[in-house]
Amino acid sequence: MRVLFLSRRFFPAISGMSVYALNLLRQLVAAGHDVTMVSQYRGDRVGTRIYGGGPPPEVPGVRVIGLRSSGEEVEGEADFEGDVQAMVDVILAEHARAPFDVLHAQYGYPTGWAVLLAARQIGVPVVVSIQGGDGHWVGSCCETHRQAMLRVLNHAGRLLIGCDSFAQEVVERLGVDRARFTIVPGAVDVAEFHPPADRKAGDPLRLFYHGRVDRRKGALDFLDALALLRQQGVAFAATISGIGPDLEACRNRDAALDLGTRFSGYADYAAAPALYREQDVFVSPTYAEGFSNTVLEAMASGLACVSCTAVGVVDCLRHGENGLLSAPGDVPALAANLRRVIEDTALREGLAAAALAECRATYSWEVVGRQIMAMYEDVRNSAPVRDFDAALPMEPCRFRTAPHLL
């Protein structure tokens, strides 16, 4: 089968989107599919600081095409619609070179909208993976993007989403039929992410935050919880790994609180497994996820996880069974859970063992890759999408002045 995969972000940008895309591409190539990936990327100073920028690297067995999101980079008046047209043009040109059987977009807007527009012209079925921000807030910003999201959600051949809590959030926010979604959970490469052969707890215990350094991911809450632990005389060593829009704010907060947190900076995907194996507890005080790749990576690495009762987390972590959870934004409760897992060795080891066993049984990429390829076969035999209105109302969008939110 010839597959077009349109990625919202890919390496060198470090994000769950990049990880998802890379592992899916590997599964498709291993199964013998002919795959072309077109990926947006940021090349401006702001985008590179937040995400890590630059063209996508080669992926063995995949034709990779980088497409700079120039319209998104315009400060103060970002032109997402211009970027959509650029994606459509590339898809049509590649289809003319060698026809596709399936178009698969990662994210509903702008990439899902782009494949829907392309499919309308070439009659190829569409699969869209709803992930992260476009499920949480894209479409709440203006009528233009709301209408684009609704048309993607109502007309794509298949909608893949990582978990039930995330699907329900999209249903409640945008009014789409819940039956439109197929749950395909997040996944992790369990061969790469695994516990060390001889893990020994650090003294003091090592607490690890890894991912986009963003207040929406709870990075600032993590530091505030550490300050409470310090006041209570609880010893710890903390590391924040990654870059993001609130990296400087976190550095400033850490300095003001005199916590001594280690900021390890950008880490590429190949380096991540070793980083997890150097730690004792994974901390993700996130406010919402599509499905948390970093939590799965921590589970696979044999770490006890302390997180939140957030969309995209509660589907894989259960309080007291394979993790400890508190309400998003409840810093005292987060600090209390951290203290429990630091001081109770049996609890910490039990949570880690339960999480590791569940991860290996349920969230491997071999299992999830087969599910997605089965969707391709199914949608390949369905009618292509043609009957929708491609014209969108145009109105000012608040993301035009803060394009990093997408």
Protein backbone atom coordinates (compact mmCIF):
# COMPACT_ATOMS: atom_id res chain seq x y z
CA MET A 1 0.00 0.00 0.00
CA ARG A 2 1.20 3.52 -0.77
CA VAL A 3 0.69 5.82 2.23
CA LEU A 4 1.02 9.57 2.63
CA PHE A 5 1.67 10.55 6.26
CA LEU A 6 1.35 14.27 6.95
CA SER A 7 3.04 15.22 10.21
CA ARG A 8 2.37 18.35 12.25
CA ARG A 9 5.83 18.23 13.85
CA PHE A 10 8.72 15.82 13.49
CA PHE A 11 12.27 15.63 14.74
CA PRO A 12 14.39 17.60 15.44
CA ALA A 13 11.32 18.98 17.26
CA ILE A 14 11.01 16.91 20.43
CA SER A 15 7.37 16.16 21.21
CA GLY A 16 4.93 13.31 21.54
CA MET A 17 3.96 13.97 17.92
CA SER A 18 7.51 13.28 16.74
CA VAL A 19 7.74 10.07 18.76
CA TYR A 20 4.36 8.85 17.51
CA ALA A 21 5.26 9.57 13.89
CA LEU A 22 8.67 7.91 14.01
CA ASN A 23 7.43 4.70 15.57
CA LEU A 24 4.45 4.44 13.20
CA LEU A 25 6.70 5.00 10.19
CA ARG A 26 9.01 2.23 11.36
CA GLN A 27 6.06 -0.16 11.66
CA LEU A 28 4.78 0.72 8.19
CA VAL A 29 8.18 0.21 6.58
CA ALA A 30 8.69 -3.10 8.38
CA ALA A 31 5.31 -4.27 7.03
CA GLY A 32 6.40 -3.47 3.47
CA HIS A 33 4.36 -0.33 2.79
CA ASP A 34 5.57 2.45 0.48
CA VAL A 35 5.53 5.56 2.70
CA THR A 36 5.99 9.26 2.02
CA MET A 37 6.06 11.63 4.99
CA VAL A 38 5.51 15.35 4.57
CA SER A 39 6.30 17.22 7.77
CA GLN A 40 5.87 20.82 8.77
CA TYR A 41 8.75 22.41 10.64
CA ARG A 42 9.61 25.72 12.24
CA GLY A 43 12.69 27.58 11.06
CA ASP A 44 12.28 30.86 12.91
CA ARG A 45 13.93 31.88 16.16
CA VAL A 46 10.76 31.67 18.27
CA GLY A 47 9.66 28.32 16.88
CA THR A 48 13.11 26.80 17.17
CA ARG A 49 13.41 27.92 20.80
CA ILE A 50 10.05 26.40 21.72
CA TYR A 51 10.11 23.19 19.70
CA GLY A 52 13.55 22.64 18.26
CA GLY A 53 13.49 23.57 14.58
CA GLY A 54 14.85 22.70 11.20
CA PRO A 55 13.95 20.27 8.41
CA PRO A 56 13.04 16.67 9.31
CA PRO A 57 15.84 14.10 9.19
CA GLU A 58 15.85 11.05 6.96
CA VAL A 59 13.88 8.00 8.10
CA PRO A 60 15.12 4.68 6.66
CA GLY A 61 12.74 3.39 4.01
CA VAL A 62 10.59 6.57 3.97
CA ARG A 63 10.51 9.40 1.43
CA VAL A 64 10.75 12.48 3.70
CA ILE A 65 9.72 15.96 2.57
CA GLY A 66 10.15 18.94 4.86
CA LEU A 67 7.72 21.82 4.48
CA ARG A 68 8.55 24.97 6.39
CA SER A 69 5.47 26.42 8.10
CA SER A 70 6.29 29.93 6.89
CA GLY A 71 2.79 31.31 7.43
CA GLU A 72 2.86 30.16 11.04
CA GLU A 73 6.12 32.01 11.64
CA VAL A 74 4.72 35.47 10.89
CA GLU A 75 4.74 37.24 14.24
CA GLY A 76 1.46 38.91 15.13
CA GLU A 77 -0.47 37.69 12.07
CA ALA A 78 0.30 34.01 11.52
CA ASP A 79 -1.25 32.63 8.31
CA PHE A 80 -2.24 29.04 9.02
CA GLU A 81 -4.44 28.94 5.92
CA GLY A 82 -1.44 29.70 3.71
CA ASP A 83 0.39 26.76 5.23
CA VAL A 84 -2.62 24.53 4.56
CA GLN A 85 -2.53 25.38 0.86
CA ALA A 86 1.20 24.63 0.72
CA MET A 87 0.56 21.18 2.21
CA VAL A 88 -2.25 20.48 -0.25
CA ASP A 89 -0.01 21.45 -3.17
CA VAL A 90 2.74 19.06 -2.07
CA ILE A 91 0.29 16.17 -1.57
CA LEU A 92 -1.20 16.69 -5.03
CA ALA A 93 2.25 16.83 -6.64
CA GLU A 94 3.37 13.63 -4.89
CA HIS A 95 0.12 11.88 -5.84
CA ALA A 96 0.67 12.86 -9.48
CA ARG A 97 4.16 11.35 -9.29
CA ALA A 98 2.87 8.06 -7.81
CA PRO A 99 -0.75 7.69 -6.59
CA PHE A 100 -1.47 7.17 -2.89
CA ASP A 101 -3.88 4.61 -1.46
CA VAL A 102 -4.40 6.35 1.89
CA LEU A 103 -3.76 9.84 3.27
CA HIS A 104 -3.05 9.87 7.02
CA ALA A 105 -2.79 13.17 8.90
CA GLN A 106 -1.41 13.65 12.36
CA TYR A 107 -3.56 16.37 14.02
CA GLY A 108 -6.97 17.60 12.92
CA TYR A 109 -5.92 21.15 12.08
CA PRO A 110 -4.07 22.25 10.06
CA THR A 111 -2.85 18.88 8.75
CA GLY A 112 -6.15 17.00 8.87
CA TRP A 113 -7.84 19.84 7.03
CA ALA A 114 -5.07 19.75 4.40
CA VAL A 115 -5.49 16.02 3.67
CA LEU A 116 -9.26 16.43 3.52
CA LEU A 117 -8.90 19.19 0.94
CA ALA A 118 -6.42 17.11 -1.06
CA ALA A 119 -8.61 14.01 -0.87
CA ARG A 120 -11.55 16.01 -2.22
CA GLN A 121 -9.58 16.50 -5.44
CA ILE A 122 -7.92 13.11 -5.89
CA GLY A 123 -10.50 10.76 -4.36
CA VAL A 124 -8.20 9.05 -1.84
CA PRO A 125 -9.55 7.96 1.59
CA VAL A 126 -8.45 9.83 4.69
CA VAL A 127 -7.36 8.77 8.19
CA VAL A 128 -6.78 11.47 10.84
CA SER A 129 -5.12 11.00 14.22
CA ILE A 130 -6.49 13.50 16.75
CA GLN A 131 -3.65 14.38 19.11
CA GLY A 132 -2.84 16.90 21.81
CA GLY A 133 -3.75 20.53 21.38
CA ASP A 134 -6.11 20.22 18.44
CA GLY A 135 -8.30 18.04 20.63
CA HIS A 136 -8.00 20.31 23.67
CA TRP A 137 -8.32 23.82 22.26
CA VAL A 138 -7.91 24.19 18.48
CA GLY A 139 -11.35 25.13 17.22
CA SER A 140 -12.05 27.17 20.33
CA CYS A 141 -9.94 30.02 18.99
CA CYS A 142 -12.08 31.26 16.10
CA GLU A 143 -14.91 30.23 13.81
CA THR A 144 -12.47 29.55 10.95
CA HIS A 145 -10.65 26.81 12.81
CA ARG A 146 -13.81 25.51 14.48
CA GLN A 147 -15.43 24.92 11.11
CA ALA A 148 -12.27 23.29 9.74
CA MET A 149 -12.11 20.94 12.74
CA LEU A 150 -15.80 20.06 12.42
CA ARG A 151 -15.42 19.16 8.77
CA VAL A 152 -12.41 16.99 9.52
CA LEU A 153 -14.23 15.28 12.40
CA ASN A 154 -17.37 14.71 10.36
CA HIS A 155 -15.89 13.74 6.98
CA ALA A 156 -12.56 11.92 7.47
CA GLY A 157 -12.83 8.22 6.65
CA ARG A 158 -11.45 7.23 10.05
CA LEU A 159 -10.66 9.23 13.18
CA LEU A 160 -8.06 7.68 15.48
CA ILE A 161 -7.77 8.92 19.07
CA GLY A 162 -5.65 7.69 21.93
CA CYS A 163 -8.16 7.14 24.73
CA ASP A 164 -11.76 7.45 25.82
CA SER A 165 -11.27 10.47 28.11
CA PHE A 166 -9.73 12.44 25.24
CA ALA A 167 -12.49 11.40 22.83
CA GLN A 168 -15.11 12.52 25.34
CA GLU A 169 -13.43 15.91 25.70
CA VAL A 170 -13.57 16.47 21.92
CA VAL A 171 -17.19 15.31 21.80
CA GLU A 172 -18.22 17.73 24.56
CA ARG A 173 -16.26 20.65 23.14
CA LEU A 174 -17.14 20.35 19.45
CA GLY A 175 -20.35 18.31 19.45
CA VAL A 176 -19.14 15.52 17.17
CA ASP A 177 -20.66 12.02 17.35
CA ARG A 178 -18.65 9.79 19.75
CA ALA A 179 -19.14 6.86 17.35
CA ARG A 180 -16.90 8.62 14.83
CA PHE A 181 -13.79 7.85 16.91
CA THR A 182 -11.78 4.65 17.00
CA ILE A 183 -9.62 4.23 20.10
CA VAL A 184 -6.04 3.36 19.21
CA PRO A 185 -3.92 3.89 22.33
CA GLY A 186 -0.54 5.51 22.53
CA ALA A 187 2.41 3.18 22.40
CA VAL A 188 6.07 2.91 23.33
CA ASP A 189 9.08 1.06 21.96
CA VAL A 190 9.55 -1.43 24.81
CA ALA A 191 12.83 -2.67 23.32
CA GLU A 192 14.38 0.80 23.68
CA PHE A 193 12.64 1.92 26.87
CA HIS A 194 13.32 -0.60 29.62
CA PRO A 195 14.60 -0.64 33.20
CA PRO A 196 18.33 -0.90 33.91
CA ALA A 197 19.56 -4.37 34.76
CA ASP A 198 20.56 -3.28 38.27
CA ARG A 199 18.59 -0.18 39.28
CA LYS A 200 19.71 1.28 42.60
CA ALA A 201 17.75 4.13 44.13
CA GLY A 202 19.56 7.43 44.32
CA ASP A 203 20.44 9.08 47.60
CA PRO A 204 18.58 11.38 47.63
CA LEU A 205 15.86 9.99 45.40
CA ARG A 206 15.90 11.32 41.82
CA LEU A 207 12.74 13.04 40.49
CA PHE A 208 12.47 13.44 36.72
CA TYR A 209 10.40 15.75 34.49
CA HIS A 210 10.89 15.12 30.76
CA GLY A 211 9.11 16.69 27.79
CA ARG A 212 8.01 20.13 26.69
CA VAL A 213 8.76 22.63 29.43
CA ASP A 214 5.37 24.26 29.53
CA ARG A 215 3.09 25.46 32.35
CA ARG A 216 0.27 23.49 30.68
CA LYS A 217 2.35 20.38 31.29
CA GLY A 218 2.72 21.36 34.95
CA ALA A 219 6.39 22.34 34.85
CA LEU A 220 5.89 25.30 37.18
CA ASP A 221 3.66 23.25 39.49
CA PHE A 222 6.47 20.71 39.77
CA LEU A 223 8.85 23.37 41.05
CA ASP A 224 6.29 24.72 43.50
CA ALA A 225 5.74 21.19 44.84
CA LEU A 226 9.49 20.78 45.27
CA ALA A 227 9.52 23.97 47.33
CA LEU A 228 6.92 22.44 49.67
CA LEU A 229 9.03 19.30 50.02
CA ARG A 230 12.04 21.44 50.87
CA GLN A 231 10.03 23.23 53.56
CA GLN A 232 9.06 19.83 55.01
CA GLY A 233 12.67 18.68 55.13
CA VAL A 234 12.22 15.99 52.43
CA ALA A 235 15.42 15.35 50.48
CA PHE A 236 15.35 14.96 46.68
CA ALA A 237 17.34 15.55 43.51
CA ALA A 238 15.30 16.99 40.64
CA THR A 239 15.92 17.16 36.89
CA ILE A 240 13.88 18.96 34.22
CA SER A 241 14.71 17.68 30.75
CA GLY A 242 13.56 19.44 27.59
CA ILE A 243 12.84 22.83 26.08
CA GLY A 244 9.62 24.77 25.65
CA PRO A 245 7.79 28.06 26.01
CA ASP A 246 8.23 28.22 29.80
CA LEU A 247 11.84 27.10 30.12
CA GLU A 248 13.03 30.55 31.15
CA ALA A 249 10.13 30.99 33.56
CA CYS A 250 11.03 27.67 35.18
CA ARG A 251 14.69 28.62 35.49
CA ASN A 252 13.66 31.86 37.15
CA ARG A 253 11.21 30.12 39.50
CA ASP A 254 13.86 27.56 40.46
CA ALA A 255 16.41 30.28 41.20
CA ALA A 256 13.90 32.27 43.26
CA LEU A 257 13.04 29.18 45.32
CA ASP A 258 16.71 28.11 45.56
CA LEU A 259 15.84 24.50 44.65
CA GLY A 260 18.96 23.54 42.72
CA THR A 261 17.02 21.75 39.98
CA ARG A 262 19.14 20.46 37.12
CA PHE A 263 17.98 21.71 33.72
CA SER A 264 19.44 19.28 31.20
CA GLY A 265 18.09 21.01 28.07
CA TYR A 266 17.27 19.52 24.70
CA ALA A 267 17.58 15.74 24.46
CA ASP A 268 16.96 13.91 21.20
CA TYR A 269 14.82 10.79 21.11
CA ALA A 270 17.79 8.42 20.92
CA ALA A 271 19.13 9.81 24.20
CA ALA A 272 15.83 9.57 26.10
CA PRO A 273 15.92 5.88 27.18
CA ALA A 274 19.21 6.35 29.02
CA LEU A 275 17.87 9.47 30.75
CA TYR A 276 14.90 7.57 32.19
CA ARG A 277 17.16 4.74 33.41
CA GLU A 278 19.17 7.25 35.47
CA GLN A 279 16.09 8.28 37.50
CA ASP A 280 13.83 6.92 40.26
CA VAL A 281 10.45 8.70 39.88
CA PHE A 282 8.79 10.26 36.86
CA VAL A 283 6.75 13.40 37.51
CA SER A 284 4.15 14.67 35.02
CA PRO A 285 1.80 17.23 36.64
CA THR A 286 0.08 17.83 33.29
CA TYR A 287 -3.28 19.53 32.80
CA ALA A 288 -4.27 17.51 29.71
CA GLU A 289 -2.84 15.09 27.15
CA GLY A 290 -4.02 13.33 24.02
CA PHE A 291 -2.26 10.25 25.38
CA SER A 292 0.96 10.79 27.26
CA ASN A 293 3.99 9.34 25.48
CA THR A 294 6.29 10.37 28.31
CA VAL A 295 4.17 8.53 30.89
CA LEU A 296 4.34 5.38 28.72
CA GLU A 297 8.11 5.78 28.35
CA ALA A 298 8.46 6.11 32.13
CA MET A 299 6.25 3.06 32.71
CA ALA A 300 8.33 1.03 30.26
CA SER A 301 11.51 2.24 31.98
CA GLY A 302 10.38 0.86 35.32
CA LEU A 303 9.81 4.20 37.03
CA ALA A 304 7.11 4.99 39.57
CA CYS A 305 4.89 7.70 38.05
CA VAL A 306 3.39 10.70 39.84
CA SER A 307 0.93 12.55 37.62
CA CYS A 308 -2.56 14.08 37.54
CA THR A 309 -6.17 13.06 37.00
CA ALA A 310 -5.97 14.66 33.57
CA VAL A 311 -7.44 13.73 30.20
CA GLY A 312 -5.03 11.36 28.48
CA VAL A 313 -3.47 10.21 31.77
CA VAL A 314 -6.35 8.56 33.65
CA ASP A 315 -6.68 6.02 30.83
CA CYS A 316 -3.29 4.46 31.60
CA LEU A 317 -2.56 5.41 35.25
CA ARG A 318 -4.80 4.51 38.21
CA HIS A 319 -4.17 6.07 41.60
CA GLY A 320 -2.61 3.64 44.04
CA GLU A 321 -2.40 0.81 41.49
CA ASN A 322 0.25 1.79 38.94
CA GLY A 323 0.80 5.45 39.81
CA LEU A 324 -0.12 8.29 42.13
CA LEU A 325 -2.51 10.98 40.86
CA SER A 326 -3.75 14.35 42.09
CA ALA A 327 -5.97 17.02 40.54
CA PRO A 328 -4.20 19.21 37.96
CA GLY A 329 -3.00 22.41 39.59
CA ASP A 330 -3.27 21.08 43.16
CA VAL A 331 0.31 21.70 44.22
CA PRO A 332 -0.06 20.58 47.89
CA ALA A 333 -1.58 17.26 46.76
CA LEU A 334 1.21 16.82 44.21
CA ALA A 335 3.80 17.45 46.93
CA ALA A 336 2.05 14.94 49.21
CA ASN A 337 2.19 12.27 46.50
CA LEU A 338 5.85 12.99 45.88
CA ARG A 339 6.58 12.69 49.58
CA ARG A 340 4.74 9.33 49.71
CA VAL A 341 6.67 7.88 46.82
CA ILE A 342 9.99 9.18 48.16
CA GLU A 343 9.52 7.86 51.70
CA ASP A 344 7.71 4.56 51.01
CA THR A 345 10.07 2.22 49.17
CA ALA A 346 7.59 -0.65 48.96
CA LEU A 347 4.93 1.63 47.47
CA ARG A 348 7.36 3.08 44.95
CA GLU A 349 8.62 -0.30 43.80
CA GLY A 350 5.11 -1.78 43.65
CA LEU A 351 3.78 1.06 41.50
CA ALA A 352 6.73 0.76 39.14
CA ALA A 353 6.37 -3.00 38.77
CA ALA A 354 2.63 -2.79 38.04
CA ALA A 355 3.14 -0.04 35.47
CA LEU A 356 5.93 -1.94 33.72
CA ALA A 357 3.86 -5.13 33.41
CA GLU A 358 0.85 -3.26 32.00
CA CYS A 359 2.97 -1.30 29.55
CA ARG A 360 4.58 -4.40 28.08
CA ALA A 361 1.23 -6.17 27.71
CA THR A 362 -0.82 -3.32 26.26
CA TYR A 363 1.22 -0.45 24.85
CA SER A 364 3.88 -1.90 22.54
CA TRP A 365 4.21 -0.43 19.05
CA GLU A 366 3.92 -3.86 17.45
CA VAL A 367 0.36 -4.17 18.77
CA VAL A 368 -0.66 -0.59 17.98
CA GLY A 369 0.98 -0.59 14.54
CA ARG A 370 -1.09 -3.60 13.51
CA GLN A 371 -4.27 -1.81 14.61
CA ILE A 372 -3.48 1.24 12.48
CA MET A 373 -2.58 -0.81 9.41
CA ALA A 374 -5.87 -2.70 9.75
CA MET A 375 -7.62 0.69 9.65
CA TYR A 376 -5.80 1.49 6.41
CA GLU A 377 -7.04 -1.73 4.82
CA ASP A 378 -10.56 -1.05 5.99
CA VAL A 379 -10.72 2.57 4.83
CA ARG A 380 -9.03 1.71 1.53
CA ASN A 381 -12.19 -0.11 0.49
CA SER A 382 -14.53 2.70 1.55
CA ALA A 383 -15.83 5.55 -0.56
CA PRO A 384 -13.45 8.53 -0.84
CA VAL A 385 -14.47 11.83 0.72
CA ARG A 386 -15.86 14.43 -1.67
CA ASP A 387 -19.15 15.88 -0.37
CA PHE A 388 -18.24 18.74 1.99
CA ASP A 389 -17.99 22.50 1.71
CA ALA A 390 -14.36 23.54 1.39
CA ALA A 391 -15.04 27.24 1.99
CA LEU A 392 -14.38 28.47 5.53
CA PRO A 393 -15.58 31.67 7.20
CA MET A 394 -12.64 33.96 7.81
CA GLU A 395 -12.32 35.81 11.11
CA PRO A 396 -9.45 36.93 13.36
CA CYS A 397 -7.92 34.14 15.43
CA ARG A 398 -6.26 34.56 18.79
CA PHE A 399 -3.62 32.01 17.77
CA ARG A 400 -2.46 34.47 15.15
CA THR A 401 -0.76 36.42 17.92
CA ALA A 402 0.47 33.31 19.76
CA PRO A 403 1.12 30.65 17.07
CA HIS A 404 3.21 28.55 19.50
CA LEU A 405 -0.08 27.42 21.07
CA LEU A 406 -0.57 25.09 18.12
